[in-house]
Amino acid sequence: PFHTIIPGFLSRDGAPIGPFGVMGGHMQPQGHLQLVLATVDGGLDPQAALGEPRWYWQSGLRVLVEAALPGQHDLRERGHDVVVVDEPGPFGMGQAIWRLPEGGYVAGSEPRADGQAAAW
């Protein structure tokens, strides 16, 4: 069976950045990819990245998307079966803690759920 405990840990040039995870069965690796792309390539902090609209490839050409996801028309034009889903359930729930290069940490907690990032 699919193992659903797959946390990630991000590093750059051998230096630790931090742990992260997105729960949700088959959504997990897709959520991990979307979180890392939003932070590393998109320059977002973990909280902003977790709040970005998500997509979830289900099977074949079927892709579930959140309503605010850009590019839906392009996916349909390429033959994908795009389904807009209004509930957060299929898109996983994530958490992340990044170590800042200048020191300190920044964290994010899933805005689609009832968690929060806190430090003391």
PDB file of N, CA and C in Angstrom:
ATOM      1  N   PRO A   1       0.823  -1.198   0.000  1.00  0.00           N
ATOM      2  CA  PRO A   1       0.000   0.000   0.000  1.00  0.00           C
ATOM      3  C   PRO A   1       0.862   1.255   0.000  1.00  0.00           C
ATOM      4  N   PHE A   2       0.262   2.337  -0.424  1.00  0.00           N
ATOM      5  CA  PHE A   2       0.955   3.623  -0.464  1.00  0.00           C
ATOM      6  C   PHE A   2       1.256   4.079   0.956  1.00  0.00           C
ATOM      7  N   HIS A   3       2.509   4.397   1.227  1.00  0.00           N
ATOM      8  CA  HIS A   3       2.936   4.849   2.554  1.00  0.00           C
ATOM      9  C   HIS A   3       2.672   6.341   2.654  1.00  0.00           C
ATOM     10  N   THR A   4       1.917   6.760   3.638  1.00  0.00           N
ATOM     11  CA  THR A   4       1.515   8.164   3.706  1.00  0.00           C
ATOM     12  C   THR A   4       2.334   9.009   4.669  1.00  0.00           C
ATOM     13  N   ILE A   5       3.397   8.470   5.228  1.00  0.00           N
ATOM     14  CA  ILE A   5       4.246   9.272   6.105  1.00  0.00           C
ATOM     15  C   ILE A   5       5.540   9.550   5.349  1.00  0.00           C
ATOM     16  N   ILE A   6       5.539  10.628   4.573  1.00  0.00           N
ATOM     17  CA  ILE A   6       6.722  10.946   3.773  1.00  0.00           C
ATOM     18  C   ILE A   6       7.112  12.410   3.962  1.00  0.00           C
ATOM     19  N   PRO A   7       7.663  12.749   5.136  1.00  0.00           N
ATOM     20  CA  PRO A   7       8.115  14.129   5.313  1.00  0.00           C
ATOM     21  C   PRO A   7       9.305  14.409   4.406  1.00  0.00           C
ATOM     22  N   GLY A   8       9.531  15.666   4.141  1.00  0.00           N
ATOM     23  CA  GLY A   8      10.674  16.069   3.337  1.00  0.00           C
ATOM     24  C   GLY A   8      11.625  16.919   4.157  1.00  0.00           C
ATOM     25  N   PHE A   9      12.844  17.053   3.659  1.00  0.00           N
ATOM     26  CA  PHE A   9      13.821  17.942   4.285  1.00  0.00           C
ATOM     27  C   PHE A   9      14.591  18.605   3.162  1.00  0.00           C
ATOM     28  N   LEU A  10      14.616  19.916   3.180  1.00  0.00           N
ATOM     29  CA  LEU A  10      15.238  20.684   2.107  1.00  0.00           C
ATOM     30  C   LEU A  10      16.603  21.191   2.550  1.00  0.00           C
ATOM     31  N   SER A  11      17.575  21.078   1.643  1.00  0.00           N
ATOM     32  CA  SER A  11      18.903  21.645   1.900  1.00  0.00           C
ATOM     33  C   SER A  11      19.382  22.333   0.627  1.00  0.00           C
ATOM     34  N   ARG A  12      20.359  23.220   0.797  1.00  0.00           N
ATOM     35  CA  ARG A  12      20.954  23.907  -0.351  1.00  0.00           C
ATOM     36  C   ARG A  12      22.463  23.907  -0.150  1.00  0.00           C
ATOM     37  N   ASP A  13      23.182  23.374  -1.132  1.00  0.00           N
ATOM     38  CA  ASP A  13      24.642  23.294  -1.070  1.00  0.00           C
ATOM     39  C   ASP A  13      25.107  22.633   0.222  1.00  0.00           C
ATOM     40  N   GLY A  14      24.405  21.619   0.668  1.00  0.00           N
ATOM     41  CA  GLY A  14      24.769  20.880   1.864  1.00  0.00           C
ATOM     42  C   GLY A  14      24.334  21.510   3.173  1.00  0.00           C
ATOM     43  N   ALA A  15      23.779  22.707   3.125  1.00  0.00           N
ATOM     44  CA  ALA A  15      23.324  23.383   4.343  1.00  0.00           C
ATOM     45  C   ALA A  15      21.829  23.139   4.540  1.00  0.00           C
ATOM     46  N   PRO A  16      21.414  22.845   5.770  1.00  0.00           N
ATOM     47  CA  PRO A  16      19.993  22.577   6.010  1.00  0.00           C
ATOM     48  C   PRO A  16      19.137  23.829   5.856  1.00  0.00           C
ATOM     49  N   ILE A  17      17.984  23.636   5.232  1.00  0.00           N
ATOM     50  CA  ILE A  17      16.975  24.696   5.176  1.00  0.00           C
ATOM     51  C   ILE A  17      15.841  24.338   6.121  1.00  0.00           C
ATOM     52  N   GLY A  18      15.332  23.109   6.032  1.00  0.00           N
ATOM     53  CA  GLY A  18      14.334  22.719   7.008  1.00  0.00           C
ATOM     54  C   GLY A  18      13.388  21.623   6.579  1.00  0.00           C
ATOM     55  N   PRO A  19      12.589  21.153   7.542  1.00  0.00           N
ATOM     56  CA  PRO A  19      11.626  20.090   7.293  1.00  0.00           C
ATOM     57  C   PRO A  19      10.306  20.639   6.755  1.00  0.00           C
ATOM     58  N   PHE A  20       9.598  19.766   6.065  1.00  0.00           N
ATOM     59  CA  PHE A  20       8.276  20.120   5.551  1.00  0.00           C
ATOM     60  C   PHE A  20       7.511  18.844   5.270  1.00  0.00           C
ATOM     61  N   GLY A  21       6.231  18.977   5.120  1.00  0.00           N
ATOM     62  CA  GLY A  21       5.424  17.832   4.758  1.00  0.00           C
ATOM     63  C   GLY A  21       4.042  18.263   4.316  1.00  0.00           C
ATOM     64  N   VAL A  22       3.481  17.488   3.419  1.00  0.00           N
ATOM     65  CA  VAL A  22       2.103  17.680   2.981  1.00  0.00           C
ATOM     66  C   VAL A  22       1.438  16.315   3.071  1.00  0.00           C
ATOM     67  N   MET A  23       0.428  16.201   3.916  1.00  0.00           N
ATOM     68  CA  MET A  23      -0.278  14.925   4.036  1.00  0.00           C
ATOM     69  C   MET A  23      -1.361  14.839   2.971  1.00  0.00           C
ATOM     70  N   GLY A  24      -1.795  13.626   2.711  1.00  0.00           N
ATOM     71  CA  GLY A  24      -2.881  13.483   1.756  1.00  0.00           C
ATOM     72  C   GLY A  24      -2.707  12.368   0.751  1.00  0.00           C
ATOM     73  N   GLY A  25      -2.142  11.230   1.148  1.00  0.00           N
ATOM     74  CA  GLY A  25      -2.039  10.090   0.248  1.00  0.00           C
ATOM     75  C   GLY A  25      -1.261  10.406  -1.017  1.00  0.00           C
ATOM     76  N   HIS A  26      -1.870  10.157  -2.161  1.00  0.00           N
ATOM     77  CA  HIS A  26      -1.190  10.382  -3.441  1.00  0.00           C
ATOM     78  C   HIS A  26      -0.926  11.860  -3.716  1.00  0.00           C
ATOM     79  N   MET A  27      -1.550  12.741  -2.965  1.00  0.00           N
ATOM     80  CA  MET A  27      -1.297  14.177  -3.110  1.00  0.00           C
ATOM     81  C   MET A  27       0.041  14.563  -2.493  1.00  0.00           C
ATOM     82  N   GLN A  28       0.562  13.757  -1.571  1.00  0.00           N
ATOM     83  CA  GLN A  28       1.767  14.129  -0.836  1.00  0.00           C
ATOM     84  C   GLN A  28       2.946  14.502  -1.728  1.00  0.00           C
ATOM     85  N   PRO A  29       3.398  13.644  -2.623  1.00  0.00           N
ATOM     86  CA  PRO A  29       4.549  14.050  -3.435  1.00  0.00           C
ATOM     87  C   PRO A  29       4.238  15.242  -4.339  1.00  0.00           C
ATOM     88  N   GLN A  30       2.988  15.352  -4.787  1.00  0.00           N
ATOM     89  CA  GLN A  30       2.605  16.492  -5.617  1.00  0.00           C
ATOM     90  C   GLN A  30       2.598  17.776  -4.791  1.00  0.00           C
ATOM     91  N   GLY A  31       2.121  17.681  -3.547  1.00  0.00           N
ATOM     92  CA  GLY A  31       2.126  18.826  -2.641  1.00  0.00           C
ATOM     93  C   GLY A  31       3.534  19.236  -2.259  1.00  0.00           C
ATOM     94  N   HIS A  32       4.404  18.250  -2.045  1.00  0.00           N
ATOM     95  CA  HIS A  32       5.808  18.551  -1.753  1.00  0.00           C
ATOM     96  C   HIS A  32       6.425  19.341  -2.902  1.00  0.00           C
ATOM     97  N   LEU A  33       6.209  18.863  -4.112  1.00  0.00           N
ATOM     98  CA  LEU A  33       6.746  19.554  -5.289  1.00  0.00           C
ATOM     99  C   LEU A  33       6.230  20.985  -5.368  1.00  0.00           C
ATOM    100  N   GLN A  34       4.939  21.170  -5.183  1.00  0.00           N
ATOM    101  CA  GLN A  34       4.352  22.508  -5.295  1.00  0.00           C
ATOM    102  C   GLN A  34       4.876  23.446  -4.210  1.00  0.00           C
ATOM    103  N   LEU A  35       5.066  22.938  -2.992  1.00  0.00           N
ATOM    104  CA  LEU A  35       5.602  23.752  -1.900  1.00  0.00           C
ATOM    105  C   LEU A  35       7.048  24.166  -2.185  1.00  0.00           C
ATOM    106  N   VAL A  36       7.867  23.215  -2.603  1.00  0.00           N
ATOM    107  CA  VAL A  36       9.276  23.527  -2.887  1.00  0.00           C
ATOM    108  C   VAL A  36       9.389  24.491  -4.063  1.00  0.00           C
ATOM    109  N   LEU A  37       8.632  24.277  -5.124  1.00  0.00           N
ATOM    110  CA  LEU A  37       8.681  25.199  -6.266  1.00  0.00           C
ATOM    111  C   LEU A  37       8.260  26.609  -5.869  1.00  0.00           C
ATOM    112  N   ALA A  38       7.227  26.723  -5.040  1.00  0.00           N
ATOM    113  CA  ALA A  38       6.745  28.048  -4.634  1.00  0.00           C
ATOM    114  C   ALA A  38       7.759  28.781  -3.762  1.00  0.00           C
ATOM    115  N   THR A  39       8.529  28.039  -2.958  1.00  0.00           N
ATOM    116  CA  THR A  39       9.506  28.703  -2.093  1.00  0.00           C
ATOM    117  C   THR A  39      10.837  28.906  -2.797  1.00  0.00           C
ATOM    118  N   VAL A  40      11.366  27.877  -3.417  1.00  0.00           N
ATOM    119  CA  VAL A  40      12.690  27.969  -4.043  1.00  0.00           C
ATOM    120  C   VAL A  40      12.634  28.785  -5.332  1.00  0.00           C
ATOM    121  N   ASP A  41      11.756  28.418  -6.241  1.00  0.00           N
ATOM    122  CA  ASP A  41      11.672  29.134  -7.523  1.00  0.00           C
ATOM    123  C   ASP A  41      10.816  30.391  -7.432  1.00  0.00           C
ATOM    124  N   GLY A  42       9.760  30.344  -6.629  1.00  0.00           N
ATOM    125  CA  GLY A  42       8.846  31.478  -6.535  1.00  0.00           C
ATOM    126  C   GLY A  42       9.230  32.517  -5.500  1.00  0.00           C
ATOM    127  N   GLY A  43      10.175  32.177  -4.617  1.00  0.00           N
ATOM    128  CA  GLY A  43      10.640  33.132  -3.621  1.00  0.00           C
ATOM    129  C   GLY A  43       9.673  33.407  -2.483  1.00  0.00           C
ATOM    130  N   LEU A  44       8.673  32.550  -2.312  1.00  0.00           N
ATOM    131  CA  LEU A  44       7.683  32.768  -1.252  1.00  0.00           C
ATOM    132  C   LEU A  44       8.158  32.174   0.073  1.00  0.00           C
ATOM    133  N   ASP A  45       7.707  32.752   1.177  1.00  0.00           N
ATOM    134  CA  ASP A  45       7.973  32.138   2.475  1.00  0.00           C
ATOM    135  C   ASP A  45       7.016  30.951   2.627  1.00  0.00           C
ATOM    136  N   PRO A  46       7.272  30.061   3.591  1.00  0.00           N
ATOM    137  CA  PRO A  46       6.429  28.865   3.705  1.00  0.00           C
ATOM    138  C   PRO A  46       4.933  29.148   3.847  1.00  0.00           C
ATOM    139  N   GLN A  47       4.567  30.172   4.613  1.00  0.00           N
ATOM    140  CA  GLN A  47       3.137  30.452   4.796  1.00  0.00           C
ATOM    141  C   GLN A  47       2.487  30.871   3.479  1.00  0.00           C
ATOM    142  N   ALA A  48       3.136  31.750   2.748  1.00  0.00           N
ATOM    143  CA  ALA A  48       2.592  32.181   1.453  1.00  0.00           C
ATOM    144  C   ALA A  48       2.547  31.017   0.470  1.00  0.00           C
ATOM    145  N   ALA A  49       3.588  30.188   0.482  1.00  0.00           N
ATOM    146  CA  ALA A  49       3.642  29.046  -0.434  1.00  0.00           C
ATOM    147  C   ALA A  49       2.516  28.058  -0.148  1.00  0.00           C
ATOM    148  N   LEU A  50       2.250  27.805   1.129  1.00  0.00           N
ATOM    149  CA  LEU A  50       1.170  26.887   1.482  1.00  0.00           C
ATOM    150  C   LEU A  50      -0.200  27.442   1.105  1.00  0.00           C
ATOM    151  N   GLY A  51      -0.317  28.740   0.983  1.00  0.00           N
ATOM    152  CA  GLY A  51      -1.580  29.365   0.601  1.00  0.00           C
ATOM    153  C   GLY A  51      -1.813  29.454  -0.893  1.00  0.00           C
ATOM    154  N   GLU A  52      -0.810  29.090  -1.690  1.00  0.00           N
ATOM    155  CA  GLU A  52      -0.959  29.142  -3.145  1.00  0.00           C
ATOM    156  C   GLU A  52      -1.997  28.125  -3.621  1.00  0.00           C
ATOM    157  N   PRO A  53      -2.718  28.435  -4.702  1.00  0.00           N
ATOM    158  CA  PRO A  53      -3.667  27.464  -5.267  1.00  0.00           C
ATOM    159  C   PRO A  53      -2.935  26.191  -5.700  1.00  0.00           C
ATOM    160  N   ARG A  54      -3.572  25.064  -5.505  1.00  0.00           N
ATOM    161  CA  ARG A  54      -2.944  23.774  -5.815  1.00  0.00           C
ATOM    162  C   ARG A  54      -3.677  23.030  -6.919  1.00  0.00           C
ATOM    163  N   TRP A  55      -2.949  22.093  -7.498  1.00  0.00           N
ATOM    164  CA  TRP A  55      -3.490  21.140  -8.457  1.00  0.00           C
ATOM    165  C   TRP A  55      -3.197  19.742  -7.930  1.00  0.00           C
ATOM    166  N   TYR A  56      -3.968  18.772  -8.387  1.00  0.00           N
ATOM    167  CA  TYR A  56      -3.781  17.382  -7.982  1.00  0.00           C
ATOM    168  C   TYR A  56      -4.057  16.491  -9.184  1.00  0.00           C
ATOM    169  N   TRP A  57      -3.009  15.886  -9.726  1.00  0.00           N
ATOM    170  CA  TRP A  57      -3.178  14.937 -10.822  1.00  0.00           C
ATOM    171  C   TRP A  57      -3.742  13.663 -10.224  1.00  0.00           C
ATOM    172  N   GLN A  58      -4.916  13.255 -10.722  1.00  0.00           N
ATOM    173  CA  GLN A  58      -5.573  12.066 -10.196  1.00  0.00           C
ATOM    174  C   GLN A  58      -5.168  10.820 -10.961  1.00  0.00           C
ATOM    175  N   SER A  59      -5.381  10.819 -12.261  1.00  0.00           N
ATOM    176  CA  SER A  59      -4.984   9.704 -13.119  1.00  0.00           C
ATOM    177  C   SER A  59      -5.261  10.093 -14.562  1.00  0.00           C
ATOM    178  N   GLY A  60      -4.558   9.445 -15.466  1.00  0.00           N
ATOM    179  CA  GLY A  60      -4.754   9.741 -16.883  1.00  0.00           C
ATOM    180  C   GLY A  60      -4.590  11.222 -17.157  1.00  0.00           C
ATOM    181  N   LEU A  61      -5.603  11.839 -17.728  1.00  0.00           N
ATOM    182  CA  LEU A  61      -5.569  13.273 -18.019  1.00  0.00           C
ATOM    183  C   LEU A  61      -6.401  14.080 -17.023  1.00  0.00           C
ATOM    184  N   ARG A  62      -6.884  13.426 -15.972  1.00  0.00           N
ATOM    185  CA  ARG A  62      -7.742  14.106 -14.983  1.00  0.00           C
ATOM    186  C   ARG A  62      -6.894  14.857 -13.957  1.00  0.00           C
ATOM    187  N   VAL A  63      -7.158  16.167 -13.847  1.00  0.00           N
ATOM    188  CA  VAL A  63      -6.450  17.029 -12.903  1.00  0.00           C
ATOM    189  C   VAL A  63      -7.483  17.814 -12.098  1.00  0.00           C
ATOM    190  N   LEU A  64      -7.417  17.678 -10.779  1.00  0.00           N
ATOM    191  CA  LEU A  64      -8.258  18.492  -9.906  1.00  0.00           C
ATOM    192  C   LEU A  64      -7.514  19.789  -9.626  1.00  0.00           C
ATOM    193  N   VAL A  65      -8.220  20.910  -9.614  1.00  0.00           N
ATOM    194  CA  VAL A  65      -7.585  22.204  -9.359  1.00  0.00           C
ATOM    195  C   VAL A  65      -8.449  23.021  -8.415  1.00  0.00           C
ATOM    196  N   GLU A  66      -7.790  23.913  -7.690  1.00  0.00           N
ATOM    197  CA  GLU A  66      -8.526  24.902  -6.921  1.00  0.00           C
ATOM    198  C   GLU A  66      -8.918  26.014  -7.880  1.00  0.00           C
ATOM    199  N   ALA A  67     -10.029  26.663  -7.602  1.00  0.00           N
ATOM    200  CA  ALA A  67     -10.597  27.652  -8.522  1.00  0.00           C
ATOM    201  C   ALA A  67      -9.618  28.759  -8.899  1.00  0.00           C
ATOM    202  N   ALA A  68      -8.760  29.173  -7.980  1.00  0.00           N
ATOM    203  CA  ALA A  68      -7.846  30.294  -8.238  1.00  0.00           C
ATOM    204  C   ALA A  68      -6.581  29.894  -8.992  1.00  0.00           C
ATOM    205  N   LEU A  69      -6.424  28.609  -9.323  1.00  0.00           N
ATOM    206  CA  LEU A  69      -5.210  28.170 -10.016  1.00  0.00           C
ATOM    207  C   LEU A  69      -5.150  28.751 -11.420  1.00  0.00           C
ATOM    208  N   PRO A  70      -4.066  29.470 -11.749  1.00  0.00           N
ATOM    209  CA  PRO A  70      -3.935  29.985 -13.117  1.00  0.00           C
ATOM    210  C   PRO A  70      -3.609  28.847 -14.094  1.00  0.00           C
ATOM    211  N   GLY A  71      -3.883  29.051 -15.355  1.00  0.00           N
ATOM    212  CA  GLY A  71      -3.515  28.089 -16.390  1.00  0.00           C
ATOM    213  C   GLY A  71      -4.524  26.995 -16.658  1.00  0.00           C
ATOM    214  N   GLN A  72      -5.706  27.071 -16.072  1.00  0.00           N
ATOM    215  CA  GLN A  72      -6.705  26.026 -16.277  1.00  0.00           C
ATOM    216  C   GLN A  72      -7.104  25.902 -17.747  1.00  0.00           C
ATOM    217  N   HIS A  73      -7.274  27.034 -18.396  1.00  0.00           N
ATOM    218  CA  HIS A  73      -7.650  27.031 -19.812  1.00  0.00           C
ATOM    219  C   HIS A  73      -6.583  26.318 -20.644  1.00  0.00           C
ATOM    220  N   ASP A  74      -5.315  26.596 -20.349  1.00  0.00           N
ATOM    221  CA  ASP A  74      -4.219  25.960 -21.087  1.00  0.00           C
ATOM    222  C   ASP A  74      -4.236  24.443 -20.911  1.00  0.00           C
ATOM    223  N   LEU A  75      -4.524  23.980 -19.702  1.00  0.00           N
ATOM    224  CA  LEU A  75      -4.604  22.540 -19.463  1.00  0.00           C
ATOM    225  C   LEU A  75      -5.735  21.916 -20.277  1.00  0.00           C
ATOM    226  N   ARG A  76      -6.882  22.578 -20.306  1.00  0.00           N
ATOM    227  CA  ARG A  76      -8.009  22.069 -21.097  1.00  0.00           C
ATOM    228  C   ARG A  76      -7.662  22.041 -22.582  1.00  0.00           C
ATOM    229  N   GLU A  77      -6.994  23.074 -23.055  1.00  0.00           N
ATOM    230  CA  GLU A  77      -6.589  23.143 -24.463  1.00  0.00           C
ATOM    231  C   GLU A  77      -5.653  21.993 -24.832  1.00  0.00           C
ATOM    232  N   ARG A  78      -4.892  21.500 -23.867  1.00  0.00           N
ATOM    233  CA  ARG A  78      -3.962  20.392 -24.102  1.00  0.00           C
ATOM    234  C   ARG A  78      -4.633  19.031 -23.921  1.00  0.00           C
ATOM    235  N   GLY A  79      -5.938  19.035 -23.661  1.00  0.00           N
ATOM    236  CA  GLY A  79      -6.689  17.795 -23.572  1.00  0.00           C
ATOM    237  C   GLY A  79      -6.904  17.241 -22.179  1.00  0.00           C
ATOM    238  N   HIS A  80      -6.504  17.966 -21.151  1.00  0.00           N
ATOM    239  CA  HIS A  80      -6.703  17.495 -19.784  1.00  0.00           C
ATOM    240  C   HIS A  80      -8.163  17.652 -19.359  1.00  0.00           C
ATOM    241  N   ASP A  81      -8.608  16.725 -18.533  1.00  0.00           N
ATOM    242  CA  ASP A  81      -9.928  16.791 -17.913  1.00  0.00           C
ATOM    243  C   ASP A  81      -9.750  17.567 -16.609  1.00  0.00           C
ATOM    244  N   VAL A  82      -9.982  18.868 -16.652  1.00  0.00           N
ATOM    245  CA  VAL A  82      -9.763  19.744 -15.501  1.00  0.00           C
ATOM    246  C   VAL A  82     -11.056  19.859 -14.698  1.00  0.00           C
ATOM    247  N   VAL A  83     -10.970  19.517 -13.418  1.00  0.00           N
ATOM    248  CA  VAL A  83     -12.122  19.570 -12.531  1.00  0.00           C
ATOM    249  C   VAL A  83     -11.824  20.579 -11.425  1.00  0.00           C
ATOM    250  N   VAL A  84     -12.627  21.627 -11.354  1.00  0.00           N
ATOM    251  CA  VAL A  84     -12.472  22.624 -10.297  1.00  0.00           C
ATOM    252  C   VAL A  84     -13.176  22.103  -9.047  1.00  0.00           C
ATOM    253  N   VAL A  85     -12.429  22.042  -7.948  1.00  0.00           N
ATOM    254  CA  VAL A  85     -12.949  21.522  -6.687  1.00  0.00           C
ATOM    255  C   VAL A  85     -13.002  22.667  -5.683  1.00  0.00           C
ATOM    256  N   ASP A  86     -14.155  22.856  -5.058  1.00  0.00           N
ATOM    257  CA  ASP A  86     -14.350  23.971  -4.130  1.00  0.00           C
ATOM    258  C   ASP A  86     -13.997  23.648  -2.685  1.00  0.00           C
ATOM    259  N   GLU A  87     -13.709  22.395  -2.382  1.00  0.00           N
ATOM    260  CA  GLU A  87     -13.356  22.031  -1.011  1.00  0.00           C
ATOM    261  C   GLU A  87     -11.863  21.709  -0.942  1.00  0.00           C
ATOM    262  N   PRO A  88     -11.221  21.934   0.207  1.00  0.00           N
ATOM    263  CA  PRO A  88      -9.772  21.759   0.286  1.00  0.00           C
ATOM    264  C   PRO A  88      -9.311  20.314   0.425  1.00  0.00           C
ATOM    265  N   GLY A  89     -10.201  19.391   0.742  1.00  0.00           N
ATOM    266  CA  GLY A  89      -9.829  18.012   1.043  1.00  0.00           C
ATOM    267  C   GLY A  89      -8.832  17.339   0.121  1.00  0.00           C
ATOM    268  N   PRO A  90      -9.024  17.352  -1.191  1.00  0.00           N
ATOM    269  CA  PRO A  90      -8.123  16.606  -2.066  1.00  0.00           C
ATOM    270  C   PRO A  90      -6.710  17.181  -2.185  1.00  0.00           C
ATOM    271  N   PHE A  91      -6.494  18.389  -1.710  1.00  0.00           N
ATOM    272  CA  PHE A  91      -5.236  19.076  -1.983  1.00  0.00           C
ATOM    273  C   PHE A  91      -4.206  18.969  -0.869  1.00  0.00           C
ATOM    274  N   GLY A  92      -4.452  18.132   0.108  1.00  0.00           N
ATOM    275  CA  GLY A  92      -3.484  17.910   1.168  1.00  0.00           C
ATOM    276  C   GLY A  92      -3.419  19.047   2.168  1.00  0.00           C
ATOM    277  N   MET A  93      -2.697  18.812   3.223  1.00  0.00           N
ATOM    278  CA  MET A  93      -2.501  19.799   4.285  1.00  0.00           C
ATOM    279  C   MET A  93      -1.015  19.810   4.621  1.00  0.00           C
ATOM    280  N   GLY A  94      -0.396  20.987   4.642  1.00  0.00           N
ATOM    281  CA  GLY A  94       1.051  21.047   4.812  1.00  0.00           C
ATOM    282  C   GLY A  94       1.526  21.896   5.969  1.00  0.00           C
ATOM    283  N   GLN A  95       2.791  21.681   6.309  1.00  0.00           N
ATOM    284  CA  GLN A  95       3.503  22.449   7.328  1.00  0.00           C
ATOM    285  C   GLN A  95       4.954  22.568   6.849  1.00  0.00           C
ATOM    286  N   ALA A  96       5.625  23.642   7.224  1.00  0.00           N
ATOM    287  CA  ALA A  96       7.037  23.803   6.852  1.00  0.00           C
ATOM    288  C   ALA A  96       7.733  24.744   7.828  1.00  0.00           C
ATOM    289  N   ILE A  97       9.018  24.486   8.056  1.00  0.00           N
ATOM    290  CA  ILE A  97       9.872  25.369   8.853  1.00  0.00           C
ATOM    291  C   ILE A  97      11.167  25.549   8.074  1.00  0.00           C
ATOM    292  N   TRP A  98      11.486  26.771   7.702  1.00  0.00           N
ATOM    293  CA  TRP A  98      12.717  27.059   6.967  1.00  0.00           C
ATOM    294  C   TRP A  98      13.682  27.824   7.864  1.00  0.00           C
ATOM    295  N   ARG A  99      14.949  27.478   7.778  1.00  0.00           N
ATOM    296  CA  ARG A  99      16.010  28.224   8.457  1.00  0.00           C
ATOM    297  C   ARG A  99      16.453  29.339   7.518  1.00  0.00           C
ATOM    298  N   LEU A 100      16.487  30.562   8.015  1.00  0.00           N
ATOM    299  CA  LEU A 100      16.874  31.709   7.191  1.00  0.00           C
ATOM    300  C   LEU A 100      18.394  31.814   7.099  1.00  0.00           C
ATOM    301  N   PRO A 101      18.926  32.217   5.945  1.00  0.00           N
ATOM    302  CA  PRO A 101      20.384  32.327   5.790  1.00  0.00           C
ATOM    303  C   PRO A 101      21.023  33.273   6.808  1.00  0.00           C
ATOM    304  N   GLU A 102      20.321  34.335   7.184  1.00  0.00           N
ATOM    305  CA  GLU A 102      20.862  35.311   8.131  1.00  0.00           C
ATOM    306  C   GLU A 102      20.611  34.917   9.589  1.00  0.00           C
ATOM    307  N   GLY A 103      20.015  33.769   9.806  1.00  0.00           N
ATOM    308  CA  GLY A 103      19.697  33.293  11.150  1.00  0.00           C
ATOM    309  C   GLY A 103      18.210  33.400  11.422  1.00  0.00           C
ATOM    310  N   GLY A 104      17.735  32.606  12.321  1.00  0.00           N
ATOM    311  CA  GLY A 104      16.315  32.589  12.632  1.00  0.00           C
ATOM    312  C   GLY A 104      15.563  31.617  11.739  1.00  0.00           C
ATOM    313  N   TYR A 105      14.266  31.560  11.954  1.00  0.00           N
ATOM    314  CA  TYR A 105      13.419  30.616  11.233  1.00  0.00           C
ATOM    315  C   TYR A 105      12.139  31.302  10.774  1.00  0.00           C
ATOM    316  N   VAL A 106      11.533  30.743   9.763  1.00  0.00           N
ATOM    317  CA  VAL A 106      10.219  31.166   9.305  1.00  0.00           C
ATOM    318  C   VAL A 106       9.418  29.884   9.063  1.00  0.00           C
ATOM    319  N   ALA A 107       8.154  29.903   9.444  1.00  0.00           N
ATOM    320  CA  ALA A 107       7.350  28.690   9.346  1.00  0.00           C
ATOM    321  C   ALA A 107       6.012  28.988   8.693  1.00  0.00           C
ATOM    322  N   GLY A 108       5.363  27.933   8.262  1.00  0.00           N
ATOM    323  CA  GLY A 108       4.040  28.062   7.685  1.00  0.00           C
ATOM    324  C   GLY A 108       3.180  26.885   8.083  1.00  0.00           C
ATOM    325  N   SER A 109       1.894  27.138   8.209  1.00  0.00           N
ATOM    326  CA  SER A 109       0.930  26.109   8.545  1.00  0.00           C
ATOM    327  C   SER A 109      -0.238  26.202   7.566  1.00  0.00           C
ATOM    328  N   GLU A 110      -0.776  25.087   7.236  1.00  0.00           N
ATOM    329  CA  GLU A 110      -1.806  24.974   6.211  1.00  0.00           C
ATOM    330  C   GLU A 110      -2.996  25.903   6.443  1.00  0.00           C
ATOM    331  N   PRO A 111      -3.251  26.844   5.527  1.00  0.00           N
ATOM    332  CA  PRO A 111      -4.414  27.717   5.673  1.00  0.00           C
ATOM    333  C   PRO A 111      -5.741  27.015   5.372  1.00  0.00           C
ATOM    334  N   ARG A 112      -5.694  25.820   4.779  1.00  0.00           N
ATOM    335  CA  ARG A 112      -6.916  25.076   4.478  1.00  0.00           C
ATOM    336  C   ARG A 112      -7.389  24.262   5.688  1.00  0.00           C
ATOM    337  N   ALA A 113      -6.631  24.320   6.775  1.00  0.00           N
ATOM    338  CA  ALA A 113      -6.960  23.550   7.973  1.00  0.00           C
ATOM    339  C   ALA A 113      -6.876  24.460   9.197  1.00  0.00           C
ATOM    340  N   ASP A 114      -6.931  23.867  10.367  1.00  0.00           N
ATOM    341  CA  ASP A 114      -6.980  24.666  11.587  1.00  0.00           C
ATOM    342  C   ASP A 114      -5.665  24.678  12.370  1.00  0.00           C
ATOM    343  N   GLY A 115      -4.531  24.556  11.711  1.00  0.00           N
ATOM    344  CA  GLY A 115      -3.240  24.601  12.391  1.00  0.00           C
ATOM    345  C   GLY A 115      -2.668  26.003  12.409  1.00  0.00           C
ATOM    346  N   GLN A 116      -1.516  26.141  13.050  1.00  0.00           N
ATOM    347  CA  GLN A 116      -0.807  27.415  13.038  1.00  0.00           C
ATOM    348  C   GLN A 116       0.659  27.159  13.332  1.00  0.00           C
ATOM    349  N   ALA A 117       1.506  28.049  12.865  1.00  0.00           N
ATOM    350  CA  ALA A 117       2.931  27.991  13.172  1.00  0.00           C
ATOM    351  C   ALA A 117       3.176  28.892  14.374  1.00  0.00           C
ATOM    352  N   ALA A 118       3.902  28.386  15.374  1.00  0.00           N
ATOM    353  CA  ALA A 118       4.183  29.170  16.578  1.00  0.00           C
ATOM    354  C   ALA A 118       5.611  28.897  17.031  1.00  0.00           C
ATOM    355  N   ALA A 119       6.232  29.882  17.644  1.00  0.00           N
ATOM    356  CA  ALA A 119       7.593  29.729  18.163  1.00  0.00           C
ATOM    357  C   ALA A 119       7.678  30.376  19.529  1.00  0.00           C
ATOM    358  N   TRP A 120       8.629  29.938  20.315  1.00  0.00           N
ATOM    359  CA  TRP A 120       8.860  30.550  21.621  1.00  0.00           C
ATOM    360  C   TRP A 120      10.314  30.415  21.993  1.00  0.00           C
TER     361      TRP A 120
END
